[in-house]
Amino acid sequence: MSMPPHALASEHLPGFIPGPDGSDPLFTVVMFLLVILLMAIGIIYLKLHAIPGRLWLDMAGLS
């Protein structure tokens, strides 16, 4: 038997409220974006870290 909603309860729930199955879409999206951001920062760091070695190889004529 289902109880009627409270008189002060709103009809619409915001999208960031987890569903009855326990899934949290906002958490999932934020974690996905965080992983992508960390990978991008790592790639940029490694590219910058490799610049002196590539310059040395070019100057030495070993490339």
PDB file of N, CA and C in Angstrom:
ATOM      1  N   MET A   1       0.836  -1.168   0.000  1.00  0.00           N
ATOM      2  CA  MET A   1       0.000   0.000   0.000  1.00  0.00           C
ATOM      3  C   MET A   1       0.888   1.240   0.000  1.00  0.00           C
ATOM      4  N   SER A   2       0.658   2.107  -0.931  1.00  0.00           N
ATOM      5  CA  SER A   2       1.474   3.298  -1.096  1.00  0.00           C
ATOM      6  C   SER A   2       0.859   4.464  -0.333  1.00  0.00           C
ATOM      7  N   MET A   3       1.726   5.181   0.369  1.00  0.00           N
ATOM      8  CA  MET A   3       1.240   6.354   1.110  1.00  0.00           C
ATOM      9  C   MET A   3       1.285   7.561   0.182  1.00  0.00           C
ATOM     10  N   PRO A   4       0.349   8.467   0.296  1.00  0.00           N
ATOM     11  CA  PRO A   4       0.389   9.681  -0.526  1.00  0.00           C
ATOM     12  C   PRO A   4       1.548  10.568  -0.074  1.00  0.00           C
ATOM     13  N   PRO A   5       2.103  11.356  -0.990  1.00  0.00           N
ATOM     14  CA  PRO A   5       3.215  12.229  -0.593  1.00  0.00           C
ATOM     15  C   PRO A   5       2.751  13.288   0.402  1.00  0.00           C
ATOM     16  N   HIS A   6       3.702  13.783   1.131  1.00  0.00           N
ATOM     17  CA  HIS A   6       3.415  14.834   2.108  1.00  0.00           C
ATOM     18  C   HIS A   6       2.916  16.072   1.382  1.00  0.00           C
ATOM     19  N   ALA A   7       2.091  16.844   2.030  1.00  0.00           N
ATOM     20  CA  ALA A   7       1.490  18.028   1.408  1.00  0.00           C
ATOM     21  C   ALA A   7       2.543  19.070   1.040  1.00  0.00           C
ATOM     22  N   LEU A   8       3.639  19.138   1.775  1.00  0.00           N
ATOM     23  CA  LEU A   8       4.675  20.134   1.498  1.00  0.00           C
ATOM     24  C   LEU A   8       5.773  19.606   0.578  1.00  0.00           C
ATOM     25  N   ALA A   9       5.705  18.344   0.208  1.00  0.00           N
ATOM     26  CA  ALA A   9       6.725  17.763  -0.670  1.00  0.00           C
ATOM     27  C   ALA A   9       6.565  18.307  -2.086  1.00  0.00           C
ATOM     28  N   SER A  10       7.699  18.578  -2.735  1.00  0.00           N
ATOM     29  CA  SER A  10       7.642  19.095  -4.108  1.00  0.00           C
ATOM     30  C   SER A  10       7.412  17.946  -5.085  1.00  0.00           C
ATOM     31  N   GLU A  11       6.883  18.269  -6.231  1.00  0.00           N
ATOM     32  CA  GLU A  11       6.608  17.258  -7.257  1.00  0.00           C
ATOM     33  C   GLU A  11       7.884  16.830  -7.976  1.00  0.00           C
ATOM     34  N   HIS A  12       8.823  17.772  -8.096  1.00  0.00           N
ATOM     35  CA  HIS A  12      10.024  17.527  -8.890  1.00  0.00           C
ATOM     36  C   HIS A  12      11.237  17.456  -7.973  1.00  0.00           C
ATOM     37  N   LEU A  13      12.071  16.445  -8.189  1.00  0.00           N
ATOM     38  CA  LEU A  13      13.332  16.344  -7.467  1.00  0.00           C
ATOM     39  C   LEU A  13      14.466  16.760  -8.398  1.00  0.00           C
ATOM     40  N   PRO A  14      15.472  17.472  -7.893  1.00  0.00           N
ATOM     41  CA  PRO A  14      16.602  17.866  -8.737  1.00  0.00           C
ATOM     42  C   PRO A  14      17.351  16.650  -9.271  1.00  0.00           C
ATOM     43  N   GLY A  15      18.076  16.846 -10.355  1.00  0.00           N
ATOM     44  CA  GLY A  15      18.784  15.750 -11.004  1.00  0.00           C
ATOM     45  C   GLY A  15      19.928  15.173 -10.200  1.00  0.00           C
ATOM     46  N   PHE A  16      20.452  15.936  -9.229  1.00  0.00           N
ATOM     47  CA  PHE A  16      21.590  15.436  -8.465  1.00  0.00           C
ATOM     48  C   PHE A  16      21.174  14.553  -7.289  1.00  0.00           C
ATOM     49  N   ILE A  17      19.892  14.374  -7.063  1.00  0.00           N
ATOM     50  CA  ILE A  17      19.407  13.474  -6.012  1.00  0.00           C
ATOM     51  C   ILE A  17      19.551  12.035  -6.510  1.00  0.00           C
ATOM     52  N   PRO A  18      20.197  11.154  -5.733  1.00  0.00           N
ATOM     53  CA  PRO A  18      20.344   9.760  -6.182  1.00  0.00           C
ATOM     54  C   PRO A  18      18.992   9.071  -6.329  1.00  0.00           C
ATOM     55  N   GLY A  19      18.925   8.156  -7.265  1.00  0.00           N
ATOM     56  CA  GLY A  19      17.693   7.422  -7.503  1.00  0.00           C
ATOM     57  C   GLY A  19      17.478   6.333  -6.467  1.00  0.00           C
ATOM     58  N   PRO A  20      16.351   5.649  -6.537  1.00  0.00           N
ATOM     59  CA  PRO A  20      16.065   4.596  -5.565  1.00  0.00           C
ATOM     60  C   PRO A  20      17.000   3.392  -5.691  1.00  0.00           C
ATOM     61  N   ASP A  21      17.657   3.240  -6.842  1.00  0.00           N
ATOM     62  CA  ASP A  21      18.584   2.119  -7.002  1.00  0.00           C
ATOM     63  C   ASP A  21      19.965   2.425  -6.428  1.00  0.00           C
ATOM     64  N   GLY A  22      20.174   3.642  -5.939  1.00  0.00           N
ATOM     65  CA  GLY A  22      21.435   4.006  -5.311  1.00  0.00           C
ATOM     66  C   GLY A  22      22.454   4.603  -6.259  1.00  0.00           C
ATOM     67  N   SER A  23      22.145   4.664  -7.551  1.00  0.00           N
ATOM     68  CA  SER A  23      23.102   5.246  -8.493  1.00  0.00           C
ATOM     69  C   SER A  23      23.124   6.759  -8.318  1.00  0.00           C
ATOM     70  N   ASP A  24      24.297   7.324  -8.439  1.00  0.00           N
ATOM     71  CA  ASP A  24      24.468   8.761  -8.261  1.00  0.00           C
ATOM     72  C   ASP A  24      25.061   9.332  -9.544  1.00  0.00           C
ATOM     73  N   PRO A  25      24.231   9.887 -10.431  1.00  0.00           N
ATOM     74  CA  PRO A  25      24.748  10.349 -11.721  1.00  0.00           C
ATOM     75  C   PRO A  25      25.729  11.507 -11.597  1.00  0.00           C
ATOM     76  N   LEU A  26      25.539  12.407 -10.656  1.00  0.00           N
ATOM     77  CA  LEU A  26      26.456  13.531 -10.502  1.00  0.00           C
ATOM     78  C   LEU A  26      27.844  13.035 -10.090  1.00  0.00           C
ATOM     79  N   PHE A  27      27.902  12.086  -9.160  1.00  0.00           N
ATOM     80  CA  PHE A  27      29.180  11.516  -8.734  1.00  0.00           C
ATOM     81  C   PHE A  27      29.877  10.825  -9.899  1.00  0.00           C
ATOM     82  N   THR A  28      29.112  10.082 -10.694  1.00  0.00           N
ATOM     83  CA  THR A  28      29.679   9.366 -11.835  1.00  0.00           C
ATOM     84  C   THR A  28      30.270  10.338 -12.850  1.00  0.00           C
ATOM     85  N   VAL A  29      29.549  11.398 -13.161  1.00  0.00           N
ATOM     86  CA  VAL A  29      30.031  12.387 -14.134  1.00  0.00           C
ATOM     87  C   VAL A  29      31.272  13.096 -13.607  1.00  0.00           C
ATOM     88  N   VAL A  30      31.262  13.489 -12.343  1.00  0.00           N
ATOM     89  CA  VAL A  30      32.410  14.196 -11.766  1.00  0.00           C
ATOM     90  C   VAL A  30      33.640  13.288 -11.739  1.00  0.00           C
ATOM     91  N   MET A  31      33.480  12.026 -11.383  1.00  0.00           N
ATOM     92  CA  MET A  31      34.617  11.097 -11.371  1.00  0.00           C
ATOM     93  C   MET A  31      35.167  10.877 -12.781  1.00  0.00           C
ATOM     94  N   PHE A  32      34.287  10.745 -13.758  1.00  0.00           N
ATOM     95  CA  PHE A  32      34.723  10.580 -15.147  1.00  0.00           C
ATOM     96  C   PHE A  32      35.518  11.805 -15.601  1.00  0.00           C
ATOM     97  N   LEU A  33      35.008  13.007 -15.325  1.00  0.00           N
ATOM     98  CA  LEU A  33      35.718  14.225 -15.714  1.00  0.00           C
ATOM     99  C   LEU A  33      37.039  14.366 -14.963  1.00  0.00           C
ATOM    100  N   LEU A  34      37.073  13.952 -13.708  1.00  0.00           N
ATOM    101  CA  LEU A  34      38.306  14.031 -12.932  1.00  0.00           C
ATOM    102  C   LEU A  34      39.377  13.104 -13.499  1.00  0.00           C
ATOM    103  N   VAL A  35      38.997  11.907 -13.891  1.00  0.00           N
ATOM    104  CA  VAL A  35      39.955  10.970 -14.490  1.00  0.00           C
ATOM    105  C   VAL A  35      40.488  11.533 -15.803  1.00  0.00           C
ATOM    106  N   ILE A  36      39.607  12.076 -16.644  1.00  0.00           N
ATOM    107  CA  ILE A  36      40.034  12.672 -17.916  1.00  0.00           C
ATOM    108  C   ILE A  36      40.970  13.853 -17.664  1.00  0.00           C
ATOM    109  N   LEU A  37      40.641  14.704 -16.691  1.00  0.00           N
ATOM    110  CA  LEU A  37      41.478  15.861 -16.376  1.00  0.00           C
ATOM    111  C   LEU A  37      42.856  15.428 -15.883  1.00  0.00           C
ATOM    112  N   LEU A  38      42.906  14.436 -15.006  1.00  0.00           N
ATOM    113  CA  LEU A  38      44.201  13.961 -14.507  1.00  0.00           C
ATOM    114  C   LEU A  38      45.045  13.348 -15.617  1.00  0.00           C
ATOM    115  N   MET A  39      44.421  12.633 -16.529  1.00  0.00           N
ATOM    116  CA  MET A  39      45.172  12.068 -17.654  1.00  0.00           C
ATOM    117  C   MET A  39      45.712  13.183 -18.549  1.00  0.00           C
ATOM    118  N   ALA A  40      44.921  14.215 -18.796  1.00  0.00           N
ATOM    119  CA  ALA A  40      45.371  15.331 -19.627  1.00  0.00           C
ATOM    120  C   ALA A  40      46.533  16.067 -18.962  1.00  0.00           C
ATOM    121  N   ILE A  41      46.442  16.288 -17.660  1.00  0.00           N
ATOM    122  CA  ILE A  41      47.534  16.952 -16.942  1.00  0.00           C
ATOM    123  C   ILE A  41      48.798  16.096 -16.996  1.00  0.00           C
ATOM    124  N   GLY A  42      48.660  14.794 -16.850  1.00  0.00           N
ATOM    125  CA  GLY A  42      49.815  13.901 -16.929  1.00  0.00           C
ATOM    126  C   GLY A  42      50.465  13.920 -18.297  1.00  0.00           C
ATOM    127  N   ILE A  43      49.661  13.941 -19.346  1.00  0.00           N
ATOM    128  CA  ILE A  43      50.205  13.985 -20.708  1.00  0.00           C
ATOM    129  C   ILE A  43      50.949  15.287 -20.941  1.00  0.00           C
ATOM    130  N   ILE A  44      50.358  16.403 -20.499  1.00  0.00           N
ATOM    131  CA  ILE A  44      51.026  17.704 -20.660  1.00  0.00           C
ATOM    132  C   ILE A  44      52.335  17.723 -19.876  1.00  0.00           C
ATOM    133  N   TYR A  45      52.320  17.199 -18.649  1.00  0.00           N
ATOM    134  CA  TYR A  45      53.536  17.159 -17.839  1.00  0.00           C
ATOM    135  C   TYR A  45      54.629  16.338 -18.521  1.00  0.00           C
ATOM    136  N   LEU A  46      54.278  15.172 -19.023  1.00  0.00           N
ATOM    137  CA  LEU A  46      55.287  14.323 -19.653  1.00  0.00           C
ATOM    138  C   LEU A  46      55.815  14.942 -20.942  1.00  0.00           C
ATOM    139  N   LYS A  47      54.970  15.639 -21.688  1.00  0.00           N
ATOM    140  CA  LYS A  47      55.456  16.325 -22.892  1.00  0.00           C
ATOM    141  C   LYS A  47      56.440  17.434 -22.517  1.00  0.00           C
ATOM    142  N   LEU A  48      56.119  18.205 -21.478  1.00  0.00           N
ATOM    143  CA  LEU A  48      57.037  19.255 -21.038  1.00  0.00           C
ATOM    144  C   LEU A  48      58.327  18.659 -20.469  1.00  0.00           C
ATOM    145  N   HIS A  49      58.220  17.547 -19.781  1.00  0.00           N
ATOM    146  CA  HIS A  49      59.384  16.901 -19.182  1.00  0.00           C
ATOM    147  C   HIS A  49      60.340  16.370 -20.254  1.00  0.00           C
ATOM    148  N   ALA A  50      59.833  16.024 -21.426  1.00  0.00           N
ATOM    149  CA  ALA A  50      60.661  15.447 -22.482  1.00  0.00           C
ATOM    150  C   ALA A  50      61.327  16.505 -23.362  1.00  0.00           C
ATOM    151  N   ILE A  51      60.971  17.774 -23.228  1.00  0.00           N
ATOM    152  CA  ILE A  51      61.526  18.819 -24.101  1.00  0.00           C
ATOM    153  C   ILE A  51      63.052  18.902 -24.003  1.00  0.00           C
ATOM    154  N   PRO A  52      63.671  18.968 -22.808  1.00  0.00           N
ATOM    155  CA  PRO A  52      65.140  19.071 -22.766  1.00  0.00           C
ATOM    156  C   PRO A  52      65.844  17.888 -23.432  1.00  0.00           C
ATOM    157  N   GLY A  53      65.327  16.700 -23.251  1.00  0.00           N
ATOM    158  CA  GLY A  53      65.948  15.534 -23.880  1.00  0.00           C
ATOM    159  C   GLY A  53      65.858  15.589 -25.392  1.00  0.00           C
ATOM    160  N   ARG A  54      64.714  16.025 -25.901  1.00  0.00           N
ATOM    161  CA  ARG A  54      64.576  16.136 -27.357  1.00  0.00           C
ATOM    162  C   ARG A  54      65.479  17.236 -27.905  1.00  0.00           C
ATOM    163  N   LEU A  55      65.615  18.348 -27.170  1.00  0.00           N
ATOM    164  CA  LEU A  55      66.512  19.417 -27.619  1.00  0.00           C
ATOM    165  C   LEU A  55      67.959  18.925 -27.646  1.00  0.00           C
ATOM    166  N   TRP A  56      68.357  18.175 -26.622  1.00  0.00           N
ATOM    167  CA  TRP A  56      69.726  17.663 -26.574  1.00  0.00           C
ATOM    168  C   TRP A  56      69.983  16.698 -27.728  1.00  0.00           C
ATOM    169  N   LEU A  57      69.025  15.827 -28.014  1.00  0.00           N
ATOM    170  CA  LEU A  57      69.200  14.893 -29.121  1.00  0.00           C
ATOM    171  C   LEU A  57      69.282  15.632 -30.455  1.00  0.00           C
ATOM    172  N   ASP A  58      68.502  16.688 -30.621  1.00  0.00           N
ATOM    173  CA  ASP A  58      68.563  17.461 -31.863  1.00  0.00           C
ATOM    174  C   ASP A  58      69.908  18.177 -31.999  1.00  0.00           C
ATOM    175  N   MET A  59      70.408  18.750 -30.888  1.00  0.00           N
ATOM    176  CA  MET A  59      71.686  19.460 -30.956  1.00  0.00           C
ATOM    177  C   MET A  59      72.842  18.487 -31.179  1.00  0.00           C
ATOM    178  N   ALA A  60      72.760  17.293 -30.657  1.00  0.00           N
ATOM    179  CA  ALA A  60      73.825  16.305 -30.815  1.00  0.00           C
ATOM    180  C   ALA A  60      73.733  15.594 -32.156  1.00  0.00           C
ATOM    181  N   GLY A  61      72.659  15.797 -32.866  1.00  0.00           N
ATOM    182  CA  GLY A  61      72.487  15.157 -34.164  1.00  0.00           C
ATOM    183  C   GLY A  61      72.167  13.679 -34.061  1.00  0.00           C
ATOM    184  N   LEU A  62      71.564  13.260 -32.970  1.00  0.00           N
ATOM    185  CA  LEU A  62      71.270  11.848 -32.752  1.00  0.00           C
ATOM    186  C   LEU A  62      69.822  11.484 -33.063  1.00  0.00           C
ATOM    187  N   SER A  63      69.037  12.436 -33.461  1.00  0.00           N
ATOM    188  CA  SER A  63      67.618  12.120 -33.685  1.00  0.00           C
ATOM    189  C   SER A  63      67.365  11.478 -35.018  1.00  0.00           C
TER     190      SER A  63
END
